[in-house]
Amino acid sequence: MDWWDIIIKLASAIVLIIQGLGLWVLWSLRKQFVARDHCDKKCQTLATKQTELEQAQKALPDATVVNAIRDRLGAIEGSVKAVEATIKGQADTMQRIERPLNLLLEHHLRGDK
C-alpha cells in the first residue's frame, strides 16, 4: 500500500467524523432556534393584541374630558363639605334638644311621684 492511499483513507475517515460532529451540532442547535410557523403565530397574536390595545386607548377620555370630570369632582367636594358642616351644626343643636327631651321622657315614664 502506498502512503498516498493511507492518507486518502484517513482523510475520508476524518472528514466523515467531522461531518458527523457537524450534523450532531446542527441537530442540537435546532432546539435553540424558533420555527418560522411558531414565529408567525406569535407575531399575529402580538399584532392582534396591539390592535386591541390601540382601540382601547382610543376609547379613553381625552384631556378636556378629564379636566371636566376633575372640575365636577371639585364642585361635588365643595357641596359635600357644605353638607358636612350643616350636619355638624345640626348635631350640636340636637344635643341641646336631647338633654331636656330625655328628662321629660324619664319624668313621664316614672310618673308623678
Protein backbone atom coordinates (compact mmCIF):
# COMPACT_ATOMS: atom_id res chain seq x y z
CA MET A 1 0.00 0.00 0.00
CA ASP A 2 1.06 3.37 -0.87
CA TRP A 3 1.32 6.27 1.59
CA TRP A 4 -0.97 8.19 -0.64
CA ASP A 5 -3.77 5.60 -0.25
CA ILE A 6 -3.35 5.61 3.53
CA ILE A 7 -3.63 9.42 3.67
CA ILE A 8 -6.78 9.37 1.48
CA LYS A 9 -8.42 6.71 3.67
CA LEU A 10 -7.52 8.59 6.85
CA ALA A 11 -8.66 11.89 5.36
CA SER A 12 -12.00 10.41 4.32
CA ALA A 13 -12.45 8.94 7.83
CA ILE A 14 -11.56 12.29 9.43
CA VAL A 15 -13.95 14.14 7.10
CA LEU A 16 -16.68 11.61 7.94
CA ILE A 17 -16.12 12.16 11.68
CA ILE A 18 -16.12 15.97 11.25
CA GLN A 19 -19.33 15.79 9.20
CA GLY A 20 -20.90 13.59 11.90
CA LEU A 21 -19.92 16.11 14.57
CA GLY A 22 -21.27 18.95 12.44
CA LEU A 23 -24.53 17.11 11.94
CA TRP A 24 -24.80 16.50 15.69
CA VAL A 25 -24.14 20.21 16.39
CA LEU A 26 -26.82 21.28 13.90
CA TRP A 27 -29.25 18.75 15.38
CA SER A 28 -28.54 20.13 18.88
CA LEU A 29 -28.94 23.72 17.74
CA ARG A 30 -32.33 23.18 16.14
CA LYS A 31 -33.93 23.47 19.56
CA GLN A 32 -32.26 26.84 20.08
CA PHE A 33 -33.87 28.47 17.05
CA VAL A 34 -37.52 29.39 16.57
CA ALA A 35 -39.52 27.70 13.86
CA ARG A 36 -40.99 30.01 11.24
CA ASP A 37 -44.56 28.82 11.89
CA HIS A 38 -44.25 29.47 15.60
CA CYS A 39 -42.79 32.92 14.96
CA ASP A 40 -45.59 33.81 12.53
CA LYS A 41 -48.25 32.72 15.02
CA LYS A 42 -46.70 34.79 17.80
CA CYS A 43 -46.35 37.82 15.51
CA GLN A 44 -50.03 37.53 14.55
CA THR A 45 -51.05 37.23 18.20
CA LEU A 46 -49.00 40.28 19.13
CA ALA A 47 -50.43 42.25 16.21
CA THR A 48 -53.96 41.38 17.36
CA LYS A 49 -53.21 42.41 20.94
CA GLN A 50 -51.64 45.64 19.76
CA THR A 51 -54.73 46.44 17.69
CA GLU A 52 -56.97 45.75 20.69
CA LEU A 53 -54.79 47.97 22.85
CA GLU A 54 -54.92 50.79 20.31
CA GLN A 55 -58.71 50.55 20.15
CA ALA A 56 -58.97 50.58 23.93
CA GLN A 57 -56.66 53.58 24.06
CA LYS A 58 -58.84 55.44 21.56
CA ALA A 59 -61.86 54.80 23.81
CA LEU A 60 -60.17 56.51 26.76
CA PRO A 61 -61.25 60.08 27.52
CA ASP A 62 -59.02 62.87 26.30
CA ALA A 63 -57.57 65.70 28.41
CA THR A 64 -60.60 68.00 28.08
CA VAL A 65 -62.97 65.33 29.36
CA VAL A 66 -60.65 64.50 32.25
CA ASN A 67 -60.41 68.21 33.15
CA ALA A 68 -64.20 68.50 33.07
CA ILE A 69 -64.51 65.48 35.34
CA ARG A 70 -61.95 66.98 37.71
CA ASP A 71 -63.90 70.25 37.83
CA ARG A 72 -67.16 68.40 38.54
CA LEU A 73 -65.50 66.40 41.31
CA GLY A 74 -64.20 69.64 42.82
CA ALA A 75 -67.73 71.07 42.82
CA ILE A 76 -69.10 67.89 44.39
CA GLU A 77 -66.38 68.01 47.03
CA GLY A 78 -67.40 71.57 47.91
CA SER A 79 -71.04 70.53 48.18
CA VAL A 80 -70.15 67.57 50.40
CA LYS A 81 -68.15 69.85 52.71
CA ALA A 82 -71.10 72.25 52.94
CA VAL A 83 -73.46 69.38 53.81
CA GLU A 84 -70.96 68.09 56.38
CA ALA A 85 -70.77 71.50 58.04
CA THR A 86 -74.58 71.68 58.13
CA ILE A 87 -74.83 68.24 59.71
CA LYS A 88 -72.23 69.14 62.35
CA GLY A 89 -74.19 72.30 63.14
CA GLN A 90 -77.39 70.31 63.47
CA ALA A 91 -75.63 67.76 65.69
CA ASP A 92 -74.86 70.49 68.21
CA THR A 93 -78.48 71.63 68.09
CA MET A 94 -79.71 68.06 68.52
CA GLN A 95 -77.51 67.58 71.60
CA ARG A 96 -79.02 70.72 73.20
CA ILE A 97 -82.53 69.40 72.49
CA GLU A 98 -81.75 65.81 73.51
CA ARG A 99 -80.99 66.54 77.19
CA PRO A 100 -84.31 68.21 78.11
CA LEU A 101 -86.20 65.68 75.98
CA ASN A 102 -84.60 62.79 77.90
CA LEU A 103 -85.52 64.45 81.19
CA LEU A 104 -89.14 64.83 80.08
CA LEU A 105 -89.22 61.23 78.89
CA GLU A 106 -87.89 59.96 82.21
CA HIS A 107 -90.42 62.09 84.08
CA HIS A 108 -93.32 60.69 82.08
CA LEU A 109 -92.11 57.10 82.29
CA ARG A 110 -91.69 57.22 86.06
CA GLY A 111 -94.89 59.05 86.59
CA ASP A 112 -95.53 61.88 89.06
CA LYS A 113 -94.07 60.75 92.38
